Amino acid sequence: MKYYNSKDLKLIEEFKNYSPEMFQAYMDWSDKVFAEGALSKKVKELIAVAVAHVVQCPYCIDVHAKAAESCGATKEELAEAIHTASAIRGGSALFHSIIAVKSLDED
């Protein structure tokens, strides 16, 4: 079974029927989050693309990469945002080594 297919995004229409109030509450919140504010829509979409890579959500990557592009983001900006998130994720793994070292010292 192939888990990700961008065409499957249309299935969200069916899913929202199972709990329409909760689904709508999420959509309203999401719309407010991505509205122009202290951060531009473009910056918010670049953040979303970067986070989507860290949490490894292909649907989020698809939707937010396209949204970032529609807000004027370039491929270079997308790449830099993704590299930034990757550096944080890699650093997090590296600095978790402190836990391993400390656990060996605890007796």
PDB file of N, CA and C in Angstrom:
ATOM      1  N   MET A   1       0.848  -1.188   0.000  1.00  0.00           N
ATOM      2  CA  MET A   1       0.000   0.000   0.000  1.00  0.00           C
ATOM      3  C   MET A   1       0.885   1.239   0.000  1.00  0.00           C
ATOM      4  N   LYS A   2       0.622   2.133  -0.887  1.00  0.00           N
ATOM      5  CA  LYS A   2       1.331   3.402  -0.924  1.00  0.00           C
ATOM      6  C   LYS A   2       0.633   4.343   0.053  1.00  0.00           C
ATOM      7  N   TYR A   3       1.392   4.867   1.020  1.00  0.00           N
ATOM      8  CA  TYR A   3       0.779   5.678   2.060  1.00  0.00           C
ATOM      9  C   TYR A   3       0.484   7.110   1.633  1.00  0.00           C
ATOM     10  N   TYR A   4       1.295   7.659   0.737  1.00  0.00           N
ATOM     11  CA  TYR A   4       1.078   9.051   0.371  1.00  0.00           C
ATOM     12  C   TYR A   4       0.829   9.194  -1.115  1.00  0.00           C
ATOM     13  N   ASN A   5      -0.245   9.870  -1.419  1.00  0.00           N
ATOM     14  CA  ASN A   5      -0.551  10.258  -2.781  1.00  0.00           C
ATOM     15  C   ASN A   5      -1.251  11.609  -2.666  1.00  0.00           C
ATOM     16  N   SER A   6      -0.715  12.609  -3.325  1.00  0.00           N
ATOM     17  CA  SER A   6      -1.287  13.951  -3.192  1.00  0.00           C
ATOM     18  C   SER A   6      -2.764  13.995  -3.581  1.00  0.00           C
ATOM     19  N   LYS A   7      -3.197  13.089  -4.428  1.00  0.00           N
ATOM     20  CA  LYS A   7      -4.611  13.042  -4.810  1.00  0.00           C
ATOM     21  C   LYS A   7      -5.499  12.652  -3.629  1.00  0.00           C
ATOM     22  N   ASP A   8      -4.903  11.989  -2.635  1.00  0.00           N
ATOM     23  CA  ASP A   8      -5.668  11.578  -1.457  1.00  0.00           C
ATOM     24  C   ASP A   8      -6.120  12.753  -0.599  1.00  0.00           C
ATOM     25  N   LEU A   9      -5.537  13.922  -0.804  1.00  0.00           N
ATOM     26  CA  LEU A   9      -5.941  15.092  -0.020  1.00  0.00           C
ATOM     27  C   LEU A   9      -7.430  15.382  -0.154  1.00  0.00           C
ATOM     28  N   LYS A  10      -8.010  15.004  -1.278  1.00  0.00           N
ATOM     29  CA  LYS A  10      -9.448  15.228  -1.469  1.00  0.00           C
ATOM     30  C   LYS A  10     -10.285  14.398  -0.497  1.00  0.00           C
ATOM     31  N   LEU A  11      -9.698  13.341   0.081  1.00  0.00           N
ATOM     32  CA  LEU A  11     -10.428  12.492   1.028  1.00  0.00           C
ATOM     33  C   LEU A  11     -10.726  13.215   2.342  1.00  0.00           C
ATOM     34  N   ILE A  12     -10.079  14.339   2.574  1.00  0.00           N
ATOM     35  CA  ILE A  12     -10.351  15.097   3.797  1.00  0.00           C
ATOM     36  C   ILE A  12     -11.805  15.553   3.820  1.00  0.00           C
ATOM     37  N   GLU A  13     -12.392  15.727   2.657  1.00  0.00           N
ATOM     38  CA  GLU A  13     -13.809  16.113   2.573  1.00  0.00           C
ATOM     39  C   GLU A  13     -14.690  15.051   3.223  1.00  0.00           C
ATOM     40  N   GLU A  14     -14.349  13.795   3.013  1.00  0.00           N
ATOM     41  CA  GLU A  14     -15.104  12.713   3.632  1.00  0.00           C
ATOM     42  C   GLU A  14     -14.845  12.684   5.142  1.00  0.00           C
ATOM     43  N   PHE A  15     -13.573  12.820   5.523  1.00  0.00           N
ATOM     44  CA  PHE A  15     -13.213  12.747   6.940  1.00  0.00           C
ATOM     45  C   PHE A  15     -13.908  13.830   7.758  1.00  0.00           C
ATOM     46  N   LYS A  16     -14.021  15.022   7.197  1.00  0.00           N
ATOM     47  CA  LYS A  16     -14.628  16.114   7.974  1.00  0.00           C
ATOM     48  C   LYS A  16     -16.090  15.838   8.308  1.00  0.00           C
ATOM     49  N   ASN A  17     -16.739  14.979   7.549  1.00  0.00           N
ATOM     50  CA  ASN A  17     -18.138  14.626   7.829  1.00  0.00           C
ATOM     51  C   ASN A  17     -18.305  13.823   9.116  1.00  0.00           C
ATOM     52  N   TYR A  18     -17.238  13.184   9.581  1.00  0.00           N
ATOM     53  CA  TYR A  18     -17.318  12.342  10.779  1.00  0.00           C
ATOM     54  C   TYR A  18     -17.334  13.157  12.070  1.00  0.00           C
ATOM     55  N   SER A  19     -16.787  14.361  12.020  1.00  0.00           N
ATOM     56  CA  SER A  19     -16.790  15.253  13.198  1.00  0.00           C
ATOM     57  C   SER A  19     -16.720  16.698  12.696  1.00  0.00           C
ATOM     58  N   PRO A  20     -17.788  17.156  12.070  1.00  0.00           N
ATOM     59  CA  PRO A  20     -17.758  18.459  11.395  1.00  0.00           C
ATOM     60  C   PRO A  20     -17.446  19.641  12.303  1.00  0.00           C
ATOM     61  N   GLU A  21     -17.934  19.642  13.533  1.00  0.00           N
ATOM     62  CA  GLU A  21     -17.680  20.789  14.411  1.00  0.00           C
ATOM     63  C   GLU A  21     -16.207  20.881  14.785  1.00  0.00           C
ATOM     64  N   MET A  22     -15.610  19.751  15.139  1.00  0.00           N
ATOM     65  CA  MET A  22     -14.187  19.765  15.487  1.00  0.00           C
ATOM     66  C   MET A  22     -13.338  20.105  14.273  1.00  0.00           C
ATOM     67  N   PHE A  23     -13.718  19.561  13.126  1.00  0.00           N
ATOM     68  CA  PHE A  23     -12.973  19.851  11.902  1.00  0.00           C
ATOM     69  C   PHE A  23     -13.039  21.340  11.583  1.00  0.00           C
ATOM     70  N   GLN A  24     -14.214  21.919  11.679  1.00  0.00           N
ATOM     71  CA  GLN A  24     -14.366  23.341  11.382  1.00  0.00           C
ATOM     72  C   GLN A  24     -13.601  24.204  12.383  1.00  0.00           C
ATOM     73  N   ALA A  25     -13.600  23.789  13.649  1.00  0.00           N
ATOM     74  CA  ALA A  25     -12.841  24.528  14.664  1.00  0.00           C
ATOM     75  C   ALA A  25     -11.357  24.541  14.300  1.00  0.00           C
ATOM     76  N   TYR A  26     -10.836  23.399  13.849  1.00  0.00           N
ATOM     77  CA  TYR A  26      -9.437  23.345  13.422  1.00  0.00           C
ATOM     78  C   TYR A  26      -9.213  24.260  12.223  1.00  0.00           C
ATOM     79  N   MET A  27     -10.095  24.197  11.246  1.00  0.00           N
ATOM     80  CA  MET A  27      -9.932  25.014  10.039  1.00  0.00           C
ATOM     81  C   MET A  27      -9.979  26.505  10.371  1.00  0.00           C
ATOM     82  N   ASP A  28     -10.887  26.903  11.260  1.00  0.00           N
ATOM     83  CA  ASP A  28     -10.966  28.316  11.669  1.00  0.00           C
ATOM     84  C   ASP A  28      -9.673  28.755  12.344  1.00  0.00           C
ATOM     85  N   TRP A  29      -9.178  27.895  13.249  1.00  0.00           N
ATOM     86  CA  TRP A  29      -7.929  28.197  13.951  1.00  0.00           C
ATOM     87  C   TRP A  29      -6.773  28.292  12.958  1.00  0.00           C
ATOM     88  N   SER A  30      -6.686  27.336  12.052  1.00  0.00           N
ATOM     89  CA  SER A  30      -5.626  27.325  11.050  1.00  0.00           C
ATOM     90  C   SER A  30      -5.673  28.581  10.181  1.00  0.00           C
ATOM     91  N   ASP A  31      -6.875  28.983   9.775  1.00  0.00           N
ATOM     92  CA  ASP A  31      -7.016  30.202   8.970  1.00  0.00           C
ATOM     93  C   ASP A  31      -6.479  31.418   9.719  1.00  0.00           C
ATOM     94  N   LYS A  32      -6.752  31.491  11.009  1.00  0.00           N
ATOM     95  CA  LYS A  32      -6.253  32.618  11.816  1.00  0.00           C
ATOM     96  C   LYS A  32      -4.739  32.552  11.961  1.00  0.00           C
ATOM     97  N   VAL A  33      -4.216  31.363  12.165  1.00  0.00           N
ATOM     98  CA  VAL A  33      -2.770  31.203  12.314  1.00  0.00           C
ATOM     99  C   VAL A  33      -2.044  31.671  11.057  1.00  0.00           C
ATOM    100  N   PHE A  34      -2.557  31.319   9.890  1.00  0.00           N
ATOM    101  CA  PHE A  34      -1.871  31.629   8.645  1.00  0.00           C
ATOM    102  C   PHE A  34      -2.262  32.982   8.040  1.00  0.00           C
ATOM    103  N   ALA A  35      -3.092  33.741   8.734  1.00  0.00           N
ATOM    104  CA  ALA A  35      -3.447  35.087   8.255  1.00  0.00           C
ATOM    105  C   ALA A  35      -2.256  36.025   8.426  1.00  0.00           C
ATOM    106  N   GLU A  36      -2.246  37.061   7.633  1.00  0.00           N
ATOM    107  CA  GLU A  36      -1.213  38.094   7.747  1.00  0.00           C
ATOM    108  C   GLU A  36      -1.239  38.661   9.161  1.00  0.00           C
ATOM    109  N   GLY A  37      -0.105  38.823   9.757  1.00  0.00           N
ATOM    110  CA  GLY A  37      -0.022  39.353  11.123  1.00  0.00           C
ATOM    111  C   GLY A  37       1.357  39.928  11.354  1.00  0.00           C
ATOM    112  N   ALA A  38       1.913  39.702  12.534  1.00  0.00           N
ATOM    113  CA  ALA A  38       3.273  40.154  12.818  1.00  0.00           C
ATOM    114  C   ALA A  38       4.253  39.490  11.843  1.00  0.00           C
ATOM    115  N   LEU A  39       3.914  38.269  11.429  1.00  0.00           N
ATOM    116  CA  LEU A  39       4.673  37.581  10.385  1.00  0.00           C
ATOM    117  C   LEU A  39       3.847  37.567   9.112  1.00  0.00           C
ATOM    118  N   SER A  40       4.518  37.676   7.991  1.00  0.00           N
ATOM    119  CA  SER A  40       3.810  37.634   6.713  1.00  0.00           C
ATOM    120  C   SER A  40       3.349  36.205   6.432  1.00  0.00           C
ATOM    121  N   LYS A  41       2.376  36.086   5.536  1.00  0.00           N
ATOM    122  CA  LYS A  41       1.900  34.762   5.132  1.00  0.00           C
ATOM    123  C   LYS A  41       3.055  33.942   4.553  1.00  0.00           C
ATOM    124  N   LYS A  42       3.912  34.600   3.787  1.00  0.00           N
ATOM    125  CA  LYS A  42       5.049  33.913   3.181  1.00  0.00           C
ATOM    126  C   LYS A  42       5.956  33.317   4.256  1.00  0.00           C
ATOM    127  N   VAL A  43       6.286  34.088   5.266  1.00  0.00           N
ATOM    128  CA  VAL A  43       7.150  33.593   6.340  1.00  0.00           C
ATOM    129  C   VAL A  43       6.467  32.450   7.080  1.00  0.00           C
ATOM    130  N   LYS A  44       5.171  32.587   7.343  1.00  0.00           N
ATOM    131  CA  LYS A  44       4.440  31.522   8.027  1.00  0.00           C
ATOM    132  C   LYS A  44       4.435  30.237   7.208  1.00  0.00           C
ATOM    133  N   GLU A  45       4.288  30.349   5.908  1.00  0.00           N
ATOM    134  CA  GLU A  45       4.301  29.162   5.055  1.00  0.00           C
ATOM    135  C   GLU A  45       5.693  28.535   5.001  1.00  0.00           C
ATOM    136  N   LEU A  46       6.732  29.356   5.002  1.00  0.00           N
ATOM    137  CA  LEU A  46       8.091  28.811   5.044  1.00  0.00           C
ATOM    138  C   LEU A  46       8.340  28.074   6.358  1.00  0.00           C
ATOM    139  N   ILE A  47       7.851  28.642   7.457  1.00  0.00           N
ATOM    140  CA  ILE A  47       7.951  27.958   8.749  1.00  0.00           C
ATOM    141  C   ILE A  47       7.204  26.635   8.675  1.00  0.00           C
ATOM    142  N   ALA A  48       6.013  26.655   8.104  1.00  0.00           N
ATOM    143  CA  ALA A  48       5.199  25.436   8.002  1.00  0.00           C
ATOM    144  C   ALA A  48       5.906  24.361   7.183  1.00  0.00           C
ATOM    145  N   VAL A  49       6.532  24.749   6.083  1.00  0.00           N
ATOM    146  CA  VAL A  49       7.268  23.782   5.262  1.00  0.00           C
ATOM    147  C   VAL A  49       8.418  23.180   6.070  1.00  0.00           C
ATOM    148  N   ALA A  50       9.130  24.018   6.796  1.00  0.00           N
ATOM    149  CA  ALA A  50      10.258  23.535   7.592  1.00  0.00           C
ATOM    150  C   ALA A  50       9.784  22.570   8.680  1.00  0.00           C
ATOM    151  N   VAL A  51       8.742  22.945   9.399  1.00  0.00           N
ATOM    152  CA  VAL A  51       8.205  22.075  10.455  1.00  0.00           C
ATOM    153  C   VAL A  51       7.663  20.787   9.851  1.00  0.00           C
ATOM    154  N   ALA A  52       7.001  20.876   8.715  1.00  0.00           N
ATOM    155  CA  ALA A  52       6.458  19.685   8.060  1.00  0.00           C
ATOM    156  C   ALA A  52       7.554  18.679   7.737  1.00  0.00           C
ATOM    157  N   HIS A  53       8.724  19.170   7.382  1.00  0.00           N
ATOM    158  CA  HIS A  53       9.838  18.258   7.132  1.00  0.00           C
ATOM    159  C   HIS A  53      10.313  17.601   8.416  1.00  0.00           C
ATOM    160  N   VAL A  54      10.357  18.353   9.488  1.00  0.00           N
ATOM    161  CA  VAL A  54      10.815  17.801  10.762  1.00  0.00           C
ATOM    162  C   VAL A  54       9.833  16.751  11.287  1.00  0.00           C
ATOM    163  N   VAL A  55       8.536  17.017  11.157  1.00  0.00           N
ATOM    164  CA  VAL A  55       7.541  16.037  11.633  1.00  0.00           C
ATOM    165  C   VAL A  55       7.229  14.995  10.561  1.00  0.00           C
ATOM    166  N   GLN A  56       7.807  15.163   9.390  1.00  0.00           N
ATOM    167  CA  GLN A  56       7.715  14.216   8.283  1.00  0.00           C
ATOM    168  C   GLN A  56       6.278  13.948   7.843  1.00  0.00           C
ATOM    169  N   CYS A  57       5.554  15.030   7.576  1.00  0.00           N
ATOM    170  CA  CYS A  57       4.184  14.918   7.087  1.00  0.00           C
ATOM    171  C   CYS A  57       4.156  15.266   5.600  1.00  0.00           C
ATOM    172  N   PRO A  58       4.059  14.270   4.721  1.00  0.00           N
ATOM    173  CA  PRO A  58       4.082  14.570   3.293  1.00  0.00           C
ATOM    174  C   PRO A  58       2.908  15.425   2.826  1.00  0.00           C
ATOM    175  N   TYR A  59       1.745  15.268   3.453  1.00  0.00           N
ATOM    176  CA  TYR A  59       0.602  16.092   3.061  1.00  0.00           C
ATOM    177  C   TYR A  59       0.871  17.554   3.402  1.00  0.00           C
ATOM    178  N   CYS A  60       1.433  17.789   4.585  1.00  0.00           N
ATOM    179  CA  CYS A  60       1.758  19.161   5.002  1.00  0.00           C
ATOM    180  C   CYS A  60       2.824  19.755   4.095  1.00  0.00           C
ATOM    181  N   ILE A  61       3.824  18.947   3.743  1.00  0.00           N
ATOM    182  CA  ILE A  61       4.877  19.423   2.839  1.00  0.00           C
ATOM    183  C   ILE A  61       4.251  19.857   1.525  1.00  0.00           C
ATOM    184  N   ASP A  62       3.395  19.025   0.974  1.00  0.00           N
ATOM    185  CA  ASP A  62       2.737  19.304  -0.300  1.00  0.00           C
ATOM    186  C   ASP A  62       1.930  20.601  -0.228  1.00  0.00           C
ATOM    187  N   VAL A  63       1.045  20.676   0.735  1.00  0.00           N
ATOM    188  CA  VAL A  63       0.146  21.832   0.847  1.00  0.00           C
ATOM    189  C   VAL A  63       0.917  23.124   1.126  1.00  0.00           C
ATOM    190  N   HIS A  64       1.844  23.076   2.076  1.00  0.00           N
ATOM    191  CA  HIS A  64       2.515  24.309   2.485  1.00  0.00           C
ATOM    192  C   HIS A  64       3.622  24.739   1.522  1.00  0.00           C
ATOM    193  N   ALA A  65       4.249  23.802   0.812  1.00  0.00           N
ATOM    194  CA  ALA A  65       5.215  24.188  -0.217  1.00  0.00           C
ATOM    195  C   ALA A  65       4.498  24.949  -1.332  1.00  0.00           C
ATOM    196  N   LYS A  66       3.336  24.444  -1.726  1.00  0.00           N
ATOM    197  CA  LYS A  66       2.567  25.127  -2.771  1.00  0.00           C
ATOM    198  C   LYS A  66       2.040  26.468  -2.274  1.00  0.00           C
ATOM    199  N   ALA A  67       1.610  26.521  -1.017  1.00  0.00           N
ATOM    200  CA  ALA A  67       1.125  27.789  -0.458  1.00  0.00           C
ATOM    201  C   ALA A  67       2.264  28.798  -0.356  1.00  0.00           C
ATOM    202  N   ALA A  68       3.446  28.336   0.041  1.00  0.00           N
ATOM    203  CA  ALA A  68       4.606  29.235   0.127  1.00  0.00           C
ATOM    204  C   ALA A  68       4.936  29.799  -1.247  1.00  0.00           C
ATOM    205  N   GLU A  69       4.908  28.944  -2.253  1.00  0.00           N
ATOM    206  CA  GLU A  69       5.178  29.400  -3.619  1.00  0.00           C
ATOM    207  C   GLU A  69       4.142  30.445  -4.053  1.00  0.00           C
ATOM    208  N   SER A  70       2.878  30.211  -3.703  1.00  0.00           N
ATOM    209  CA  SER A  70       1.835  31.169  -4.100  1.00  0.00           C
ATOM    210  C   SER A  70       1.979  32.502  -3.370  1.00  0.00           C
ATOM    211  N   CYS A  71       2.701  32.494  -2.251  1.00  0.00           N
ATOM    212  CA  CYS A  71       2.969  33.735  -1.511  1.00  0.00           C
ATOM    213  C   CYS A  71       4.274  34.388  -1.970  1.00  0.00           C
ATOM    214  N   GLY A  72       4.908  33.804  -2.974  1.00  0.00           N
ATOM    215  CA  GLY A  72       6.119  34.397  -3.533  1.00  0.00           C
ATOM    216  C   GLY A  72       7.425  33.769  -3.078  1.00  0.00           C
ATOM    217  N   ALA A  73       7.363  32.677  -2.316  1.00  0.00           N
ATOM    218  CA  ALA A  73       8.593  32.029  -1.870  1.00  0.00           C
ATOM    219  C   ALA A  73       9.289  31.359  -3.050  1.00  0.00           C
ATOM    220  N   THR A  74      10.591  31.444  -3.046  1.00  0.00           N
ATOM    221  CA  THR A  74      11.391  30.815  -4.094  1.00  0.00           C
ATOM    222  C   THR A  74      11.853  29.428  -3.634  1.00  0.00           C
ATOM    223  N   LYS A  75      12.337  28.641  -4.571  1.00  0.00           N
ATOM    224  CA  LYS A  75      12.888  27.328  -4.226  1.00  0.00           C
ATOM    225  C   LYS A  75      14.093  27.483  -3.300  1.00  0.00           C
ATOM    226  N   GLU A  76      14.843  28.548  -3.502  1.00  0.00           N
ATOM    227  CA  GLU A  76      15.999  28.802  -2.644  1.00  0.00           C
ATOM    228  C   GLU A  76      15.558  29.087  -1.204  1.00  0.00           C
ATOM    229  N   GLU A  77      14.477  29.847  -1.046  1.00  0.00           N
ATOM    230  CA  GLU A  77      13.955  30.119   0.295  1.00  0.00           C
ATOM    231  C   GLU A  77      13.417  28.844   0.943  1.00  0.00           C
ATOM    232  N   LEU A  78      12.720  28.016   0.151  1.00  0.00           N
ATOM    233  CA  LEU A  78      12.235  26.743   0.674  1.00  0.00           C
ATOM    234  C   LEU A  78      13.407  25.877   1.136  1.00  0.00           C
ATOM    235  N   ALA A  79      14.435  25.804   0.315  1.00  0.00           N
ATOM    236  CA  ALA A  79      15.601  24.990   0.664  1.00  0.00           C
ATOM    237  C   ALA A  79      16.253  25.497   1.944  1.00  0.00           C
ATOM    238  N   GLU A  80      16.396  26.804   2.079  1.00  0.00           N
ATOM    239  CA  GLU A  80      17.023  27.360   3.275  1.00  0.00           C
ATOM    240  C   GLU A  80      16.179  27.094   4.515  1.00  0.00           C
ATOM    241  N   ALA A  81      14.877  27.216   4.390  1.00  0.00           N
ATOM    242  CA  ALA A  81      13.992  26.931   5.529  1.00  0.00           C
ATOM    243  C   ALA A  81      14.106  25.465   5.934  1.00  0.00           C
ATOM    244  N   ILE A  82      14.135  24.574   4.951  1.00  0.00           N
ATOM    245  CA  ILE A  82      14.243  23.141   5.235  1.00  0.00           C
ATOM    246  C   ILE A  82      15.595  22.817   5.862  1.00  0.00           C
ATOM    247  N   HIS A  83      16.665  23.414   5.352  1.00  0.00           N
ATOM    248  CA  HIS A  83      17.991  23.200   5.945  1.00  0.00           C
ATOM    249  C   HIS A  83      18.043  23.714   7.384  1.00  0.00           C
ATOM    250  N   THR A  84      17.403  24.831   7.646  1.00  0.00           N
ATOM    251  CA  THR A  84      17.375  25.375   9.005  1.00  0.00           C
ATOM    252  C   THR A  84      16.691  24.399   9.953  1.00  0.00           C
ATOM    253  N   ALA A  85      15.537  23.896   9.556  1.00  0.00           N
ATOM    254  CA  ALA A  85      14.819  22.933  10.391  1.00  0.00           C
ATOM    255  C   ALA A  85      15.630  21.653  10.563  1.00  0.00           C
ATOM    256  N   SER A  86      16.293  21.212   9.504  1.00  0.00           N
ATOM    257  CA  SER A  86      17.113  20.006   9.575  1.00  0.00           C
ATOM    258  C   SER A  86      18.274  20.178  10.538  1.00  0.00           C
ATOM    259  N   ALA A  87      18.864  21.363  10.550  1.00  0.00           N
ATOM    260  CA  ALA A  87      19.971  21.636  11.469  1.00  0.00           C
ATOM    261  C   ALA A  87      19.496  21.575  12.919  1.00  0.00           C
ATOM    262  N   ILE A  88      18.314  22.098  13.183  1.00  0.00           N
ATOM    263  CA  ILE A  88      17.762  22.048  14.538  1.00  0.00           C
ATOM    264  C   ILE A  88      17.481  20.597  14.926  1.00  0.00           C
ATOM    265  N   ARG A  89      16.900  19.841  14.001  1.00  0.00           N
ATOM    266  CA  ARG A  89      16.613  18.434  14.310  1.00  0.00           C
ATOM    267  C   ARG A  89      17.895  17.650  14.541  1.00  0.00           C
ATOM    268  N   GLY A  90      18.894  17.869  13.700  1.00  0.00           N
ATOM    269  CA  GLY A  90      20.175  17.190  13.878  1.00  0.00           C
ATOM    270  C   GLY A  90      20.852  17.608  15.178  1.00  0.00           C
ATOM    271  N   GLY A  91      20.797  18.894  15.484  1.00  0.00           N
ATOM    272  CA  GLY A  91      21.375  19.385  16.731  1.00  0.00           C
ATOM    273  C   GLY A  91      20.675  18.810  17.939  1.00  0.00           C
ATOM    274  N   SER A  92      19.379  18.672  17.836  1.00  0.00           N
ATOM    275  CA  SER A  92      18.613  18.091  18.928  1.00  0.00           C
ATOM    276  C   SER A  92      19.058  16.668  19.190  1.00  0.00           C
ATOM    277  N   ALA A  93      19.229  15.885  18.146  1.00  0.00           N
ATOM    278  CA  ALA A  93      19.697  14.506  18.301  1.00  0.00           C
ATOM    279  C   ALA A  93      21.091  14.487  18.914  1.00  0.00           C
ATOM    280  N   LEU A  94      21.956  15.352  18.429  1.00  0.00           N
ATOM    281  CA  LEU A  94      23.324  15.406  18.946  1.00  0.00           C
ATOM    282  C   LEU A  94      23.348  15.786  20.422  1.00  0.00           C
ATOM    283  N   PHE A  95      22.620  16.819  20.780  1.00  0.00           N
ATOM    284  CA  PHE A  95      22.661  17.297  22.158  1.00  0.00           C
ATOM    285  C   PHE A  95      21.895  16.394  23.128  1.00  0.00           C
ATOM    286  N   HIS A  96      21.081  15.492  22.605  1.00  0.00           N
ATOM    287  CA  HIS A  96      20.471  14.482  23.464  1.00  0.00           C
ATOM    288  C   HIS A  96      21.530  13.490  23.962  1.00  0.00           C
ATOM    289  N   SER A  97      22.728  13.555  23.375  1.00  0.00           N
ATOM    290  CA  SER A  97      23.827  12.708  23.843  1.00  0.00           C
ATOM    291  C   SER A  97      24.135  12.984  25.308  1.00  0.00           C
ATOM    292  N   ILE A  98      23.815  14.176  25.758  1.00  0.00           N
ATOM    293  CA  ILE A  98      24.022  14.531  27.161  1.00  0.00           C
ATOM    294  C   ILE A  98      23.261  13.552  28.058  1.00  0.00           C
ATOM    295  N   ILE A  99      22.061  13.167  27.645  1.00  0.00           N
ATOM    296  CA  ILE A  99      21.255  12.226  28.431  1.00  0.00           C
ATOM    297  C   ILE A  99      21.966  10.879  28.510  1.00  0.00           C
ATOM    298  N   ALA A 100      22.511  10.419  27.384  1.00  0.00           N
ATOM    299  CA  ALA A 100      23.208   9.122  27.381  1.00  0.00           C
ATOM    300  C   ALA A 100      24.429   9.170  28.290  1.00  0.00           C
ATOM    301  N   VAL A 101      25.209  10.231  28.201  1.00  0.00           N
ATOM    302  CA  VAL A 101      26.411  10.347  29.030  1.00  0.00           C
ATOM    303  C   VAL A 101      26.034  10.437  30.503  1.00  0.00           C
ATOM    304  N   LYS A 102      25.030  11.250  30.814  1.00  0.00           N
ATOM    305  CA  LYS A 102      24.597  11.371  32.210  1.00  0.00           C
ATOM    306  C   LYS A 102      24.084  10.041  32.756  1.00  0.00           C
ATOM    307  N   SER A 103      23.383   9.269  31.923  1.00  0.00           N
ATOM    308  CA  SER A 103      22.828   8.005  32.410  1.00  0.00           C
ATOM    309  C   SER A 103      23.933   7.019  32.765  1.00  0.00           C
ATOM    310  N   LEU A 104      25.062   7.100  32.112  1.00  0.00           N
ATOM    311  CA  LEU A 104      26.184   6.216  32.422  1.00  0.00           C
ATOM    312  C   LEU A 104      26.872   6.617  33.729  1.00  0.00           C
ATOM    313  N   ASP A 105      26.766   7.895  34.058  1.00  0.00           N
ATOM    314  CA  ASP A 105      27.403   8.409  35.275  1.00  0.00           C
ATOM    315  C   ASP A 105      26.536   8.242  36.498  1.00  0.00           C
ATOM    316  N   GLU A 106      25.251   7.931  36.311  1.00  0.00           N
ATOM    317  CA  GLU A 106      24.337   7.786  37.453  1.00  0.00           C
ATOM    318  C   GLU A 106      24.363   6.348  37.970  1.00  0.00           C
ATOM    319  N   ASP A 107      24.826   6.201  39.188  1.00  0.00           N
ATOM    320  CA  ASP A 107      24.827   4.868  39.798  1.00  0.00           C
ATOM    321  C   ASP A 107      24.413   4.936  41.238  1.00  0.00           C
TER     322      ASP A 107
END
